[in-house]
Amino acid sequence: MRQRESLIEDAASHIQHMQKALMQMNVQLHHVVTDITGITGMKIIRAIVAGIRDPKVLAEHRDRRCKSSLETIEQALIGNYGKSTSSRFVNHSISTNSPDQDRGV
């Protein structure tokens, strides 16, 4: 039971770090996506980690079941992708496991 609790705490901590990095980049993904670790959120985050910065291209990663429109998501993804902030986000995302890998907990 302790290992499960530890894994859940680690996943929650990782999600908080991702949210903080997104907020530092002024990317308001959490306003348009219910769960940033869901399908749409993770597709967009993986695209940001891969170096995509264009809000139109990022918004196209929207899952068809997402309630927010492409235009709304696009507006939320206009951010300040400065080198220092985005590199910290990329380094943190790469150095730790993705929260969706821990969903089997």
Protein backbone atom coordinates (compact mmCIF):
# COMPACT_ATOMS: atom_id res chain seq x y z
CA MET A 1 0.00 0.00 0.00
CA ARG A 2 2.86 2.40 0.74
CA GLN A 3 4.35 1.98 -2.71
CA ARG A 4 1.02 2.84 -4.32
CA GLU A 5 0.71 5.98 -2.19
CA SER A 6 4.26 6.96 -3.10
CA LEU A 7 3.57 6.51 -6.82
CA ILE A 8 0.41 8.59 -6.59
CA GLU A 9 2.24 11.36 -4.71
CA ASP A 10 5.04 11.33 -7.29
CA ALA A 11 2.55 11.58 -10.15
CA ALA A 12 0.73 14.47 -8.44
CA SER A 13 4.02 16.26 -7.87
CA HIS A 14 4.99 15.80 -11.52
CA ILE A 15 1.65 17.20 -12.69
CA GLN A 16 2.09 20.24 -10.43
CA HIS A 17 5.55 20.86 -11.88
CA MET A 18 4.15 20.69 -15.42
CA GLN A 19 1.35 23.10 -14.52
CA LYS A 20 3.82 25.51 -12.96
CA ALA A 21 6.10 25.41 -16.01
CA LEU A 22 3.12 26.00 -18.32
CA MET A 23 2.00 28.95 -16.20
CA GLN A 24 5.52 30.42 -16.27
CA MET A 25 5.35 30.25 -20.07
CA ASN A 26 1.91 31.92 -19.83
CA VAL A 27 0.32 28.91 -21.52
CA GLN A 28 -3.18 28.59 -20.09
CA LEU A 29 -3.81 24.97 -21.05
CA HIS A 30 -5.54 24.23 -17.75
CA HIS A 31 -8.30 26.74 -18.63
CA VAL A 32 -9.36 24.91 -21.81
CA VAL A 33 -8.63 21.28 -20.95
CA THR A 34 -10.26 19.60 -17.97
CA ASP A 35 -7.26 17.36 -17.27
CA ILE A 36 -3.82 18.28 -18.59
CA THR A 37 -2.84 14.61 -18.27
CA GLY A 38 -5.73 13.56 -20.49
CA ILE A 39 -5.49 12.82 -24.20
CA THR A 40 -5.59 16.41 -25.47
CA GLY A 41 -3.39 17.79 -22.70
CA MET A 42 -0.67 15.19 -23.12
CA LYS A 43 -0.67 15.48 -26.92
CA ILE A 44 -0.15 19.24 -26.61
CA ILE A 45 2.51 18.87 -23.90
CA ARG A 46 4.40 16.29 -25.96
CA ALA A 47 4.29 18.67 -28.94
CA ILE A 48 5.68 21.51 -26.79
CA VAL A 49 8.45 19.20 -25.55
CA ALA A 50 9.16 18.30 -29.20
CA GLY A 51 9.73 22.00 -29.92
CA ILE A 52 6.44 23.02 -31.53
CA ARG A 53 5.47 26.55 -30.48
CA ASP A 54 2.84 27.62 -33.02
CA PRO A 55 -0.55 27.81 -31.22
CA LYS A 56 -2.42 26.78 -34.39
CA VAL A 57 -0.34 23.63 -34.77
CA LEU A 58 -0.57 22.85 -31.05
CA ALA A 59 -4.36 23.30 -31.07
CA GLU A 60 -4.64 20.73 -33.84
CA HIS A 61 -3.62 18.10 -31.29
CA ARG A 62 -7.07 18.53 -29.77
CA ASP A 63 -8.96 15.26 -29.36
CA ARG A 64 -12.34 15.24 -31.09
CA ARG A 65 -14.05 14.65 -27.74
CA CYS A 66 -12.60 17.81 -26.20
CA LYS A 67 -15.33 20.35 -25.43
CA SER A 68 -13.20 23.44 -26.10
CA SER A 69 -13.06 24.70 -29.67
CA LEU A 70 -9.86 24.90 -31.71
CA GLU A 71 -9.98 28.70 -31.52
CA THR A 72 -10.32 28.69 -27.72
CA ILE A 73 -7.44 26.26 -27.32
CA GLU A 74 -5.37 28.26 -29.77
CA GLN A 75 -5.88 31.44 -27.71
CA ALA A 76 -4.89 29.62 -24.51
CA LEU A 77 -1.67 28.38 -26.12
CA ILE A 78 -0.36 31.83 -27.01
CA GLY A 79 2.43 32.09 -24.51
CA ASN A 80 5.94 33.23 -23.84
CA TYR A 81 8.05 30.30 -24.94
CA GLY A 82 11.26 31.89 -23.77
CA LYS A 83 14.38 29.78 -23.98
CA SER A 84 15.00 29.47 -20.24
CA THR A 85 11.43 28.64 -19.21
CA SER A 86 10.68 26.21 -22.01
CA SER A 87 14.03 24.48 -21.62
CA ARG A 88 13.31 23.90 -17.92
CA PHE A 89 9.93 22.45 -18.89
CA VAL A 90 11.49 20.20 -21.51
CA ASN A 91 14.28 19.05 -19.19
CA HIS A 92 11.83 18.28 -16.39
CA SER A 93 9.43 16.46 -18.69
CA ILE A 94 12.16 14.33 -20.19
CA SER A 95 13.90 13.56 -16.91
CA THR A 96 10.77 12.20 -15.21
CA ASN A 97 8.15 9.67 -16.19
CA SER A 98 5.00 10.90 -17.85
CA PRO A 99 2.00 10.89 -15.49
CA ASP A 100 -0.03 8.84 -17.95
CA GLN A 101 2.43 6.00 -17.46
CA ASP A 102 1.44 5.85 -13.80
CA ARG A 103 -2.29 5.59 -14.47
CA GLY A 104 -2.12 1.84 -13.96
CA VAL A 105 -1.57 2.48 -10.26
